[in-house]
Amino acid sequence: AYSPWEGYRVMFNGSAGRLELEVEESRWQAPLTRITSASG
């Protein structure tokens, strides 16, 4: 819960191969929080 970047990696190993997913939702964050969503 304290990473410099946000996202996830999930990998499935199977009897016929492997499936790999990587998602980078945010590669890094600037130090001051800036809210751009209309919903806050």
Full PDB file with SEQRES, HELIX, SHEET, SSBOND, CRYST1, ORIGX, SCALE, CONECT and MASTER records, all heavy atoms in Angstrom:
SEQRES   1 A   40  ALA TYR SER PRO TRP GLU GLY TYR ARG VAL MET PHE ASN          
SEQRES   2 A   40  GLY SER ALA GLY ARG LEU GLU LEU GLU VAL GLU GLU SER          
SEQRES   3 A   40  ARG TRP GLN ALA PRO LEU THR ARG ILE THR SER ALA SER          
SEQRES   4 A   40  GLY                                                          
SHEET    1 AA1 2 GLU A   6  GLY A  14  0                                        
SHEET    2 AA1 2 GLY A  17  SER A  26 -1                                        
CRYST1    1.000    1.000    1.000  90.00  90.00  90.00 P 1           1          
ORIGX1      1.000000  0.000000  0.000000        0.00000                         
ORIGX2      0.000000  1.000000  0.000000        0.00000                         
ORIGX3      0.000000  0.000000  1.000000        0.00000                         
SCALE1      1.000000  0.000000  0.000000        0.00000                         
SCALE2      0.000000  1.000000  0.000000        0.00000                         
SCALE3      0.000000  0.000000  1.000000        0.00000                         
ATOM      1  N   ALA A   1       0.810  -1.219   0.000  1.00  0.00           N  
ATOM      2  CA  ALA A   1       0.000   0.000   0.000  1.00  0.00           C  
ATOM      3  C   ALA A   1       0.844   1.270   0.000  1.00  0.00           C  
ATOM      4  O   ALA A   1       0.319   2.351   0.278  1.00  0.00           O  
ATOM      5  CB  ALA A   1      -0.938   0.002   1.206  1.00  0.00           C  
ATOM      6  N   TYR A   2       2.143   1.179  -0.327  1.00  0.00           N  
ATOM      7  CA  TYR A   2       3.025   2.361  -0.265  1.00  0.00           C  
ATOM      8  C   TYR A   2       4.027   2.351  -1.424  1.00  0.00           C  
ATOM      9  O   TYR A   2       5.177   2.754  -1.279  1.00  0.00           O  
ATOM     10  CB  TYR A   2       3.759   2.393   1.075  1.00  0.00           C  
ATOM     11  CG  TYR A   2       4.475   1.098   1.404  1.00  0.00           C  
ATOM     12  CD1 TYR A   2       5.791   0.886   0.999  1.00  0.00           C  
ATOM     13  CD2 TYR A   2       3.829   0.068   2.075  1.00  0.00           C  
ATOM     14  CE1 TYR A   2       6.443  -0.308   1.267  1.00  0.00           C  
ATOM     15  CE2 TYR A   2       4.475  -1.119   2.358  1.00  0.00           C  
ATOM     16  CZ  TYR A   2       5.779  -1.298   1.951  1.00  0.00           C  
ATOM     17  OH  TYR A   2       6.414  -2.483   2.219  1.00  0.00           O  
ATOM     18  N   SER A   3       3.595   1.942  -2.591  1.00  0.00           N  
ATOM     19  CA  SER A   3       4.476   1.779  -3.748  1.00  0.00           C  
ATOM     20  C   SER A   3       4.679   3.106  -4.487  1.00  0.00           C  
ATOM     21  O   SER A   3       3.794   3.964  -4.491  1.00  0.00           O  
ATOM     22  CB  SER A   3       3.861   0.748  -4.702  1.00  0.00           C  
ATOM     23  OG  SER A   3       4.552   0.702  -5.923  1.00  0.00           O  
ATOM     24  N   PRO A   4       5.815   3.283  -5.174  1.00  0.00           N  
ATOM     25  CA  PRO A   4       5.989   4.470  -6.008  1.00  0.00           C  
ATOM     26  C   PRO A   4       5.155   4.429  -7.280  1.00  0.00           C  
ATOM     27  O   PRO A   4       4.922   5.465  -7.900  1.00  0.00           O  
ATOM     28  CB  PRO A   4       7.486   4.464  -6.343  1.00  0.00           C  
ATOM     29  CG  PRO A   4       7.918   3.055  -6.153  1.00  0.00           C  
ATOM     30  CD  PRO A   4       7.060   2.498  -5.060  1.00  0.00           C  
ATOM     31  N   TRP A   5       4.707   3.225  -7.707  1.00  0.00           N  
ATOM     32  CA  TRP A   5       3.835   3.126  -8.876  1.00  0.00           C  
ATOM     33  C   TRP A   5       2.639   2.245  -8.528  1.00  0.00           C  
ATOM     34  O   TRP A   5       2.670   1.489  -7.569  1.00  0.00           O  
ATOM     35  CB  TRP A   5       4.569   2.592 -10.096  1.00  0.00           C  
ATOM     36  CG  TRP A   5       4.956   1.128 -10.060  1.00  0.00           C  
ATOM     37  CD1 TRP A   5       6.026   0.571  -9.421  1.00  0.00           C  
ATOM     38  CD2 TRP A   5       4.278   0.030 -10.695  1.00  0.00           C  
ATOM     39  NE1 TRP A   5       6.068  -0.790  -9.610  1.00  0.00           N  
ATOM     40  CE2 TRP A   5       5.003  -1.156 -10.403  1.00  0.00           C  
ATOM     41  CE3 TRP A   5       3.134  -0.075 -11.489  1.00  0.00           C  
ATOM     42  CZ2 TRP A   5       4.612  -2.411 -10.862  1.00  0.00           C  
ATOM     43  CZ3 TRP A   5       2.753  -1.328 -11.964  1.00  0.00           C  
ATOM     44  CH2 TRP A   5       3.489  -2.471 -11.652  1.00  0.00           C  
ATOM     45  N   GLU A   6       1.571   2.408  -9.323  1.00  0.00           N  
ATOM     46  CA  GLU A   6       0.346   1.672  -9.039  1.00  0.00           C  
ATOM     47  C   GLU A   6      -0.001   0.739 -10.189  1.00  0.00           C  
ATOM     48  O   GLU A   6       0.081   1.112 -11.368  1.00  0.00           O  
ATOM     49  CB  GLU A   6      -0.813   2.640  -8.807  1.00  0.00           C  
ATOM     50  CG  GLU A   6      -2.156   1.942  -8.631  1.00  0.00           C  
ATOM     51  CD  GLU A   6      -2.929   2.434  -7.443  1.00  0.00           C  
ATOM     52  OE1 GLU A   6      -2.302   2.929  -6.473  1.00  0.00           O  
ATOM     53  OE2 GLU A   6      -4.161   2.340  -7.472  1.00  0.00           O  
ATOM     54  N   GLY A   7      -0.380  -0.460  -9.847  1.00  0.00           N  
ATOM     55  CA  GLY A   7      -0.800  -1.426 -10.847  1.00  0.00           C  
ATOM     56  C   GLY A   7      -0.709  -2.829 -10.297  1.00  0.00           C  
ATOM     57  O   GLY A   7      -0.640  -3.040  -9.084  1.00  0.00           O  
ATOM     58  N   TYR A   8      -0.688  -3.804 -11.200  1.00  0.00           N  
ATOM     59  CA  TYR A   8      -0.696  -5.183 -10.744  1.00  0.00           C  
ATOM     60  C   TYR A   8      -0.127  -6.111 -11.814  1.00  0.00           C  
ATOM     61  O   TYR A   8      -0.108  -5.800 -13.007  1.00  0.00           O  
ATOM     62  CB  TYR A   8      -2.106  -5.632 -10.350  1.00  0.00           C  
ATOM     63  CG  TYR A   8      -3.204  -5.331 -11.354  1.00  0.00           C  
ATOM     64  CD1 TYR A   8      -3.717  -6.329 -12.183  1.00  0.00           C  
ATOM     65  CD2 TYR A   8      -3.748  -4.058 -11.453  1.00  0.00           C  
ATOM     66  CE1 TYR A   8      -4.733  -6.065 -13.081  1.00  0.00           C  
ATOM     67  CE2 TYR A   8      -4.761  -3.775 -12.349  1.00  0.00           C  
ATOM     68  CZ  TYR A   8      -5.257  -4.790 -13.163  1.00  0.00           C  
ATOM     69  OH  TYR A   8      -6.255  -4.511 -14.053  1.00  0.00           O  
ATOM     70  N   ARG A   9       0.379  -7.221 -11.321  1.00  0.00           N  
ATOM     71  CA  ARG A   9       0.865  -8.299 -12.167  1.00  0.00           C  
ATOM     72  C   ARG A   9       0.191  -9.581 -11.708  1.00  0.00           C  
ATOM     73  O   ARG A   9       0.190  -9.886 -10.513  1.00  0.00           O  
ATOM     74  CB  ARG A   9       2.380  -8.464 -12.045  1.00  0.00           C  
ATOM     75  CG  ARG A   9       3.215  -7.245 -12.406  1.00  0.00           C  
ATOM     76  CD  ARG A   9       4.689  -7.601 -12.304  1.00  0.00           C  
ATOM     77  NE  ARG A   9       5.580  -6.491 -12.626  1.00  0.00           N  
ATOM     78  CZ  ARG A   9       6.198  -5.740 -11.726  1.00  0.00           C  
ATOM     79  NH1 ARG A   9       6.016  -5.988 -10.436  1.00  0.00           N  
ATOM     80  NH2 ARG A   9       6.996  -4.764 -12.098  1.00  0.00           N  
ATOM     81  N   VAL A  10      -0.365 -10.331 -12.651  1.00  0.00           N  
ATOM     82  CA  VAL A  10      -0.936 -11.627 -12.307  1.00  0.00           C  
ATOM     83  C   VAL A  10      -0.517 -12.617 -13.382  1.00  0.00           C  
ATOM     84  O   VAL A  10      -0.572 -12.317 -14.574  1.00  0.00           O  
ATOM     85  CB  VAL A  10      -2.469 -11.561 -12.161  1.00  0.00           C  
ATOM     86  CG1 VAL A  10      -3.148 -11.040 -13.409  1.00  0.00           C  
ATOM     87  CG2 VAL A  10      -3.031 -12.911 -11.766  1.00  0.00           C  
ATOM     88  N   MET A  11      -0.048 -13.777 -12.945  1.00  0.00           N  
ATOM     89  CA  MET A  11       0.478 -14.792 -13.852  1.00  0.00           C  
ATOM     90  C   MET A  11      -0.147 -16.134 -13.518  1.00  0.00           C  
ATOM     91  O   MET A  11      -0.239 -16.508 -12.340  1.00  0.00           O  
ATOM     92  CB  MET A  11       2.002 -14.868 -13.729  1.00  0.00           C  
ATOM     93  CG  MET A  11       2.699 -13.602 -14.234  1.00  0.00           C  
ATOM     94  SD  MET A  11       4.219 -13.201 -13.327  1.00  0.00           S  
ATOM     95  CE  MET A  11       3.557 -12.424 -11.864  1.00  0.00           C  
ATOM     96  N   PHE A  12      -0.584 -16.841 -14.542  1.00  0.00           N  
ATOM     97  CA  PHE A  12      -1.207 -18.145 -14.395  1.00  0.00           C  
ATOM     98  C   PHE A  12      -0.308 -19.193 -15.046  1.00  0.00           C  
ATOM     99  O   PHE A  12       0.058 -19.053 -16.214  1.00  0.00           O  
ATOM    100  CB  PHE A  12      -2.571 -18.177 -15.090  1.00  0.00           C  
ATOM    101  CG  PHE A  12      -3.532 -17.120 -14.620  1.00  0.00           C  
ATOM    102  CD1 PHE A  12      -3.504 -15.845 -15.178  1.00  0.00           C  
ATOM    103  CD2 PHE A  12      -4.476 -17.395 -13.647  1.00  0.00           C  
ATOM    104  CE1 PHE A  12      -4.389 -14.870 -14.765  1.00  0.00           C  
ATOM    105  CE2 PHE A  12      -5.373 -16.425 -13.224  1.00  0.00           C  
ATOM    106  CZ  PHE A  12      -5.332 -15.160 -13.784  1.00  0.00           C  
ATOM    107  N   ASN A  13       0.035 -20.224 -14.308  1.00  0.00           N  
ATOM    108  CA  ASN A  13       0.804 -21.341 -14.846  1.00  0.00           C  
ATOM    109  C   ASN A  13      -0.126 -22.528 -15.058  1.00  0.00           C  
ATOM    110  O   ASN A  13      -0.885 -22.903 -14.142  1.00  0.00           O  
ATOM    111  CB  ASN A  13       1.919 -21.740 -13.872  1.00  0.00           C  
ATOM    112  CG  ASN A  13       2.960 -20.648 -13.736  1.00  0.00           C  
ATOM    113  OD1 ASN A  13       3.501 -20.163 -14.726  1.00  0.00           O  
ATOM    114  ND2 ASN A  13       3.231 -20.243 -12.505  1.00  0.00           N  
ATOM    115  N   GLY A  14      -0.072 -23.114 -16.258  1.00  0.00           N  
ATOM    116  CA  GLY A  14      -0.952 -24.222 -16.566  1.00  0.00           C  
ATOM    117  C   GLY A  14      -0.235 -25.370 -17.227  1.00  0.00           C  
ATOM    118  O   GLY A  14       0.964 -25.291 -17.539  1.00  0.00           O  
ATOM    119  N   SER A  15      -0.975 -26.433 -17.457  1.00  0.00           N  
ATOM    120  CA  SER A  15      -0.387 -27.634 -18.051  1.00  0.00           C  
ATOM    121  C   SER A  15      -0.005 -27.442 -19.507  1.00  0.00           C  
ATOM    122  O   SER A  15       0.752 -28.242 -20.068  1.00  0.00           O  
ATOM    123  CB  SER A  15      -1.383 -28.797 -17.934  1.00  0.00           C  
ATOM    124  OG  SER A  15      -2.596 -28.488 -18.628  1.00  0.00           O  
ATOM    125  N   ALA A  16      -0.507 -26.353 -20.145  1.00  0.00           N  
ATOM    126  CA  ALA A  16      -0.189 -26.108 -21.556  1.00  0.00           C  
ATOM    127  C   ALA A  16       0.499 -24.766 -21.769  1.00  0.00           C  
ATOM    128  O   ALA A  16       0.658 -24.336 -22.921  1.00  0.00           O  
ATOM    129  CB  ALA A  16      -1.466 -26.179 -22.399  1.00  0.00           C  
ATOM    130  N   GLY A  17       0.912 -24.088 -20.688  1.00  0.00           N  
ATOM    131  CA  GLY A  17       1.588 -22.814 -20.875  1.00  0.00           C  
ATOM    132  C   GLY A  17       1.338 -21.849 -19.733  1.00  0.00           C  
ATOM    133  O   GLY A  17       0.977 -22.252 -18.623  1.00  0.00           O  
ATOM    134  N   ARG A  18       1.500 -20.573 -20.030  1.00  0.00           N  
ATOM    135  CA  ARG A  18       1.456 -19.524 -19.007  1.00  0.00           C  
ATOM    136  C   ARG A  18       0.770 -18.292 -19.596  1.00  0.00           C  
ATOM    137  O   ARG A  18       0.981 -17.942 -20.774  1.00  0.00           O  
ATOM    138  CB  ARG A  18       2.888 -19.199 -18.576  1.00  0.00           C  
ATOM    139  CG  ARG A  18       3.070 -18.085 -17.549  1.00  0.00           C  
ATOM    140  CD  ARG A  18       4.561 -17.976 -17.234  1.00  0.00           C  
ATOM    141  NE  ARG A  18       4.909 -16.788 -16.466  1.00  0.00           N  
ATOM    142  CZ  ARG A  18       5.080 -16.754 -15.145  1.00  0.00           C  
ATOM    143  NH1 ARG A  18       4.922 -17.862 -14.447  1.00  0.00           N  
ATOM    144  NH2 ARG A  18       5.420 -15.641 -14.537  1.00  0.00           N  
ATOM    145  N   LEU A  19      -0.041 -17.621 -18.769  1.00  0.00           N  
ATOM    146  CA  LEU A  19      -0.692 -16.378 -19.163  1.00  0.00           C  
ATOM    147  C   LEU A  19      -0.244 -15.293 -18.194  1.00  0.00           C  
ATOM    148  O   LEU A  19      -0.325 -15.471 -16.970  1.00  0.00           O  
ATOM    149  CB  LEU A  19      -2.213 -16.529 -19.120  1.00  0.00           C  
ATOM    150  CG  LEU A  19      -3.043 -15.348 -19.635  1.00  0.00           C  
ATOM    151  CD1 LEU A  19      -2.807 -15.119 -21.121  1.00  0.00           C  
ATOM    152  CD2 LEU A  19      -4.534 -15.572 -19.353  1.00  0.00           C  
ATOM    153  N   GLU A  20       0.224 -14.148 -18.732  1.00  0.00           N  
ATOM    154  CA  GLU A  20       0.793 -13.075 -17.915  1.00  0.00           C  
ATOM    155  C   GLU A  20       0.085 -11.759 -18.207  1.00  0.00           C  
ATOM    156  O   GLU A  20      -0.017 -11.340 -19.371  1.00  0.00           O  
ATOM    157  CB  GLU A  20       2.284 -12.900 -18.214  1.00  0.00           C  
ATOM    158  CG  GLU A  20       3.107 -14.158 -17.981  1.00  0.00           C  
ATOM    159  CD  GLU A  20       4.546 -14.029 -18.447  1.00  0.00           C  
ATOM    160  OE1 GLU A  20       4.848 -13.063 -19.198  1.00  0.00           O  
ATOM    161  OE2 GLU A  20       5.357 -14.883 -18.075  1.00  0.00           O  
ATOM    162  N   LEU A  21      -0.386 -11.102 -17.164  1.00  0.00           N  
ATOM    163  CA  LEU A  21      -1.009  -9.790 -17.290  1.00  0.00           C  
ATOM    164  C   LEU A  21      -0.250  -8.791 -16.439  1.00  0.00           C  
ATOM    165  O   LEU A  21       0.024  -9.052 -15.264  1.00  0.00           O  
ATOM    166  CB  LEU A  21      -2.475  -9.847 -16.830  1.00  0.00           C  
ATOM    167  CG  LEU A  21      -3.208  -8.499 -16.747  1.00  0.00           C  
ATOM    168  CD1 LEU A  21      -3.358  -7.864 -18.123  1.00  0.00           C  
ATOM    169  CD2 LEU A  21      -4.583  -8.677 -16.084  1.00  0.00           C  
ATOM    170  N   GLU A  22       0.094  -7.652 -17.026  1.00  0.00           N  
ATOM    171  CA  GLU A  22       0.687  -6.540 -16.263  1.00  0.00           C  
ATOM    172  C   GLU A  22      -0.046  -5.263 -16.632  1.00  0.00           C  
ATOM    173  O   GLU A  22      -0.226  -4.965 -17.820  1.00  0.00           O  
ATOM    174  CB  GLU A  22       2.176  -6.386 -16.550  1.00  0.00           C  
ATOM    175  CG  GLU A  22       2.802  -5.232 -15.759  1.00  0.00           C  
ATOM    176  CD  GLU A  22       4.306  -5.143 -15.910  1.00  0.00           C  
ATOM    177  OE1 GLU A  22       4.755  -4.574 -16.927  1.00  0.00           O  
ATOM    178  OE2 GLU A  22       5.007  -5.633 -15.017  1.00  0.00           O  
ATOM    179  N   VAL A  23      -0.476  -4.526 -15.616  1.00  0.00           N  
ATOM    180  CA  VAL A  23      -1.203  -3.277 -15.814  1.00  0.00           C  
ATOM    181  C   VAL A  23      -0.508  -2.180 -15.009  1.00  0.00           C  
ATOM    182  O   VAL A  23      -0.314  -2.328 -13.795  1.00  0.00           O  
ATOM    183  CB  VAL A  23      -2.668  -3.403 -15.361  1.00  0.00           C  
ATOM    184  CG1 VAL A  23      -3.393  -2.067 -15.532  1.00  0.00           C  
ATOM    185  CG2 VAL A  23      -3.379  -4.498 -16.154  1.00  0.00           C  
ATOM    186  N   GLU A  24      -0.128  -1.097 -15.671  1.00  0.00           N  
ATOM    187  CA  GLU A  24       0.449   0.078 -15.005  1.00  0.00           C  
ATOM    188  C   GLU A  24      -0.616   1.169 -14.973  1.00  0.00           C  
ATOM    189  O   GLU A  24      -0.856   1.837 -15.971  1.00  0.00           O  
ATOM    190  CB  GLU A  24       1.679   0.591 -15.759  1.00  0.00           C  
ATOM    191  CG  GLU A  24       2.915  -0.259 -15.611  1.00  0.00           C  
ATOM    192  CD  GLU A  24       4.104   0.382 -16.308  1.00  0.00           C  
ATOM    193  OE1 GLU A  24       3.973   0.754 -17.492  1.00  0.00           O  
ATOM    194  OE2 GLU A  24       5.157   0.518 -15.672  1.00  0.00           O  
ATOM    195  N   GLU A  25      -1.269   1.323 -13.842  1.00  0.00           N  
ATOM    196  CA  GLU A  25      -2.287   2.365 -13.733  1.00  0.00           C  
ATOM    197  C   GLU A  25      -1.665   3.737 -13.505  1.00  0.00           C  
ATOM    198  O   GLU A  25      -2.243   4.753 -13.869  1.00  0.00           O  
ATOM    199  CB  GLU A  25      -3.256   2.013 -12.606  1.00  0.00           C  
ATOM    200  CG  GLU A  25      -4.062   0.759 -12.918  1.00  0.00           C  
ATOM    201  CD  GLU A  25      -5.091   0.434 -11.862  1.00  0.00           C  
ATOM    202  OE1 GLU A  25      -4.961   0.945 -10.724  1.00  0.00           O  
ATOM    203  OE2 GLU A  25      -6.012  -0.334 -12.155  1.00  0.00           O  
ATOM    204  N   SER A  26      -0.499   3.767 -12.886  1.00  0.00           N  
ATOM    205  CA  SER A  26       0.251   5.005 -12.686  1.00  0.00           C  
ATOM    206  C   SER A  26       1.723   4.636 -12.565  1.00  0.00           C  
ATOM    207  O   SER A  26       2.094   3.855 -11.691  1.00  0.00           O  
ATOM    208  CB  SER A  26      -0.218   5.728 -11.413  1.00  0.00           C  
ATOM    209  OG  SER A  26       0.674   6.775 -11.079  1.00  0.00           O  
ATOM    210  N   ARG A  27       2.559   5.187 -13.438  1.00  0.00           N  
ATOM    211  CA  ARG A  27       3.974   4.833 -13.426  1.00  0.00           C  
ATOM    212  C   ARG A  27       4.726   5.530 -12.294  1.00  0.00           C  
ATOM    213  O   ARG A  27       5.740   5.036 -11.825  1.00  0.00           O  
ATOM    214  CB  ARG A  27       4.605   5.168 -14.783  1.00  0.00           C  
ATOM    215  CG  ARG A  27       3.973   4.382 -15.938  1.00  0.00           C  
ATOM    216  CD  ARG A  27       4.609   4.699 -17.277  1.00  0.00           C  
ATOM    217  NE  ARG A  27       5.987   4.220 -17.313  1.00  0.00           N  
ATOM    218  CZ  ARG A  27       7.043   5.012 -17.445  1.00  0.00           C  
ATOM    219  NH1 ARG A  27       6.886   6.326 -17.536  1.00  0.00           N  
ATOM    220  NH2 ARG A  27       8.249   4.505 -17.467  1.00  0.00           N  
ATOM    221  N   TRP A  28       4.224   6.705 -11.862  1.00  0.00           N  
ATOM    222  CA  TRP A  28       4.788   7.404 -10.704  1.00  0.00           C  
ATOM    223  C   TRP A  28       3.831   8.525 -10.317  1.00  0.00           C  
ATOM    224  O   TRP A  28       2.907   8.846 -11.070  1.00  0.00           O  
ATOM    225  CB  TRP A  28       6.178   7.965 -10.998  1.00  0.00           C  
ATOM    226  CG  TRP A  28       6.209   9.097 -11.997  1.00  0.00           C  
ATOM    227  CD1 TRP A  28       6.119   8.989 -13.360  1.00  0.00           C  
ATOM    228  CD2 TRP A  28       6.335  10.497 -11.716  1.00  0.00           C  
ATOM    229  NE1 TRP A  28       6.175  10.233 -13.955  1.00  0.00           N  
ATOM    230  CE2 TRP A  28       6.314  11.177 -12.969  1.00  0.00           C  
ATOM    231  CE3 TRP A  28       6.471  11.244 -10.555  1.00  0.00           C  
ATOM    232  CZ2 TRP A  28       6.420  12.562 -13.065  1.00  0.00           C  
ATOM    233  CZ3 TRP A  28       6.580  12.628 -10.651  1.00  0.00           C  
ATOM    234  CH2 TRP A  28       6.562  13.268 -11.898  1.00  0.00           C  
ATOM    235  N   GLN A  29       4.035   9.089  -9.148  1.00  0.00           N  
ATOM    236  CA  GLN A  29       3.177  10.167  -8.665  1.00  0.00           C  
ATOM    237  C   GLN A  29       4.008  11.383  -8.277  1.00  0.00           C  
ATOM    238  O   GLN A  29       5.058  11.257  -7.654  1.00  0.00           O  
ATOM    239  CB  GLN A  29       2.373   9.711  -7.444  1.00  0.00           C  
ATOM    240  CG  GLN A  29       1.231   8.765  -7.774  1.00  0.00           C  
ATOM    241  CD  GLN A  29       0.091   9.434  -8.507  1.00  0.00           C  
ATOM    242  OE1 GLN A  29       0.032  10.652  -8.631  1.00  0.00           O  
ATOM    243  NE2 GLN A  29      -0.827   8.623  -9.015  1.00  0.00           N  
ATOM    244  N   ALA A  30       3.505  12.554  -8.658  1.00  0.00           N  
ATOM    245  CA  ALA A  30       4.106  13.807  -8.206  1.00  0.00           C  
ATOM    246  C   ALA A  30       3.805  13.992  -6.714  1.00  0.00           C  
ATOM    247  O   ALA A  30       2.805  13.485  -6.208  1.00  0.00           O  
ATOM    248  CB  ALA A  30       3.555  14.977  -9.015  1.00  0.00           C  
ATOM    249  N   PRO A  31       4.653  14.721  -5.983  1.00  0.00           N  
ATOM    250  CA  PRO A  31       4.496  14.789  -4.527  1.00  0.00           C  
ATOM    251  C   PRO A  31       3.254  15.503  -4.032  1.00  0.00           C  
ATOM    252  O   PRO A  31       2.764  15.193  -2.951  1.00  0.00           O  
ATOM    253  CB  PRO A  31       5.769  15.510  -4.062  1.00  0.00           C  
ATOM    254  CG  PRO A  31       6.272  16.219  -5.262  1.00  0.00           C  
ATOM    255  CD  PRO A  31       5.889  15.390  -6.427  1.00  0.00           C  
ATOM    256  N   LEU A  32       2.718  16.471  -4.776  1.00  0.00           N  
ATOM    257  CA  LEU A  32       1.534  17.186  -4.317  1.00  0.00           C  
ATOM    258  C   LEU A  32       0.300  16.619  -5.009  1.00  0.00           C  
ATOM    259  O   LEU A  32       0.236  16.536  -6.234  1.00  0.00           O  
ATOM    260  CB  LEU A  32       1.655  18.676  -4.581  1.00  0.00           C  
ATOM    261  CG  LEU A  32       2.758  19.382  -3.781  1.00  0.00           C  
ATOM    262  CD1 LEU A  32       2.775  20.877  -4.086  1.00  0.00           C  
ATOM    263  CD2 LEU A  32       2.575  19.153  -2.281  1.00  0.00           C  
ATOM    264  N   THR A  33      -0.685  16.210  -4.216  1.00  0.00           N  
ATOM    265  CA  THR A  33      -1.892  15.601  -4.736  1.00  0.00           C  
ATOM    266  C   THR A  33      -2.711  16.617  -5.519  1.00  0.00           C  
ATOM    267  O   THR A  33      -3.053  17.683  -5.013  1.00  0.00           O  
ATOM    268  CB  THR A  33      -2.747  15.038  -3.593  1.00  0.00           C  
ATOM    269  OG1 THR A  33      -1.991  14.052  -2.909  1.00  0.00           O  
ATOM    270  CG2 THR A  33      -4.038  14.440  -4.109  1.00  0.00           C  
ATOM    271  N   ARG A  34      -3.005  16.280  -6.772  1.00  0.00           N  
ATOM    272  CA  ARG A  34      -3.859  17.135  -7.605  1.00  0.00           C  
ATOM    273  C   ARG A  34      -5.075  16.316  -8.019  1.00  0.00           C  
ATOM    274  O   ARG A  34      -4.945  15.254  -8.634  1.00  0.00           O  
ATOM    275  CB  ARG A  34      -3.092  17.604  -8.847  1.00  0.00           C  
ATOM    276  CG  ARG A  34      -3.855  18.580  -9.728  1.00  0.00           C  
ATOM    277  CD  ARG A  34      -2.960  19.088 -10.842  1.00  0.00           C  
ATOM    278  NE  ARG A  34      -2.571  18.025 -11.750  1.00  0.00           N  
ATOM    279  CZ  ARG A  34      -3.272  17.675 -12.838  1.00  0.00           C  
ATOM    280  NH1 ARG A  34      -4.398  18.300 -13.118  1.00  0.00           N  
ATOM    281  NH2 ARG A  34      -2.851  16.715 -13.627  1.00  0.00           N  
ATOM    282  N   ILE A  35      -6.270  16.792  -7.679  1.00  0.00           N  
ATOM    283  CA  ILE A  35      -7.495  16.054  -7.969  1.00  0.00           C  
ATOM    284  C   ILE A  35      -8.104  16.580  -9.259  1.00  0.00           C  
ATOM    285  O   ILE A  35      -8.367  17.776  -9.401  1.00  0.00           O  
ATOM    286  CB  ILE A  35      -8.490  16.189  -6.804  1.00  0.00           C  
ATOM    287  CG1 ILE A  35      -7.870  15.617  -5.534  1.00  0.00           C  
ATOM    288  CG2 ILE A  35      -9.802  15.481  -7.126  1.00  0.00           C  
ATOM    289  CD1 ILE A  35      -8.664  15.875  -4.289  1.00  0.00           C  
ATOM    290  N   THR A  36      -8.292  15.685 -10.226  1.00  0.00           N  
ATOM    291  CA  THR A  36      -8.847  16.081 -11.522  1.00  0.00           C  
ATOM    292  C   THR A  36     -10.253  15.536 -11.741  1.00  0.00           C  
ATOM    293  O   THR A  36     -10.915  15.915 -12.689  1.00  0.00           O  
ATOM    294  CB  THR A  36      -7.941  15.584 -12.662  1.00  0.00           C  
ATOM    295  OG1 THR A  36      -7.806  14.156 -12.576  1.00  0.00           O  
ATOM    296  CG2 THR A  36      -6.566  16.220 -12.581  1.00  0.00           C  
ATOM    297  N   SER A  37     -10.719  14.656 -10.871  1.00  0.00           N  
ATOM    298  CA  SER A  37     -12.040  14.064 -11.027  1.00  0.00           C  
ATOM    299  C   SER A  37     -13.116  15.017 -10.535  1.00  0.00           C  
ATOM    300  O   SER A  37     -12.980  15.631  -9.476  1.00  0.00           O  
ATOM    301  CB  SER A  37     -12.123  12.754 -10.237  1.00  0.00           C  
ATOM    302  OG  SER A  37     -13.455  12.312 -10.135  1.00  0.00           O  
ATOM    303  N   ALA A  38     -14.213  15.113 -11.286  1.00  0.00           N  
ATOM    304  CA  ALA A  38     -15.333  15.959 -10.872  1.00  0.00           C  
ATOM    305  C   ALA A  38     -15.991  15.428  -9.609  1.00  0.00           C  
ATOM    306  O   ALA A  38     -16.654  16.177  -8.883  1.00  0.00           O  
ATOM    307  CB  ALA A  38     -16.357  16.057 -11.992  1.00  0.00           C  
ATOM    308  N   SER A  39     -15.802  14.136  -9.325  1.00  0.00           N  
ATOM    309  CA  SER A  39     -16.419  13.546  -8.133  1.00  0.00           C  
ATOM    310  C   SER A  39     -15.511  13.624  -6.920  1.00  0.00           C  
ATOM    311  O   SER A  39     -15.859  13.116  -5.848  1.00  0.00           O  
ATOM    312  CB  SER A  39     -16.772  12.081  -8.404  1.00  0.00           C  
ATOM    313  OG  SER A  39     -15.608  11.292  -8.507  1.00  0.00           O  
ATOM    314  N   GLY A  40     -14.331  14.229  -7.056  1.00  0.00           N  
ATOM    315  CA  GLY A  40     -13.413  14.336  -5.932  1.00  0.00           C  
ATOM    316  C   GLY A  40     -12.614  13.078  -5.666  1.00  0.00           C  
ATOM    317  O   GLY A  40     -12.015  12.937  -4.598  1.00  0.00           O  
TER     318      GLY A  40                                                      
MASTER        0    0    0    0    2    0    0    6  317    1    0    4          
END                                                                             
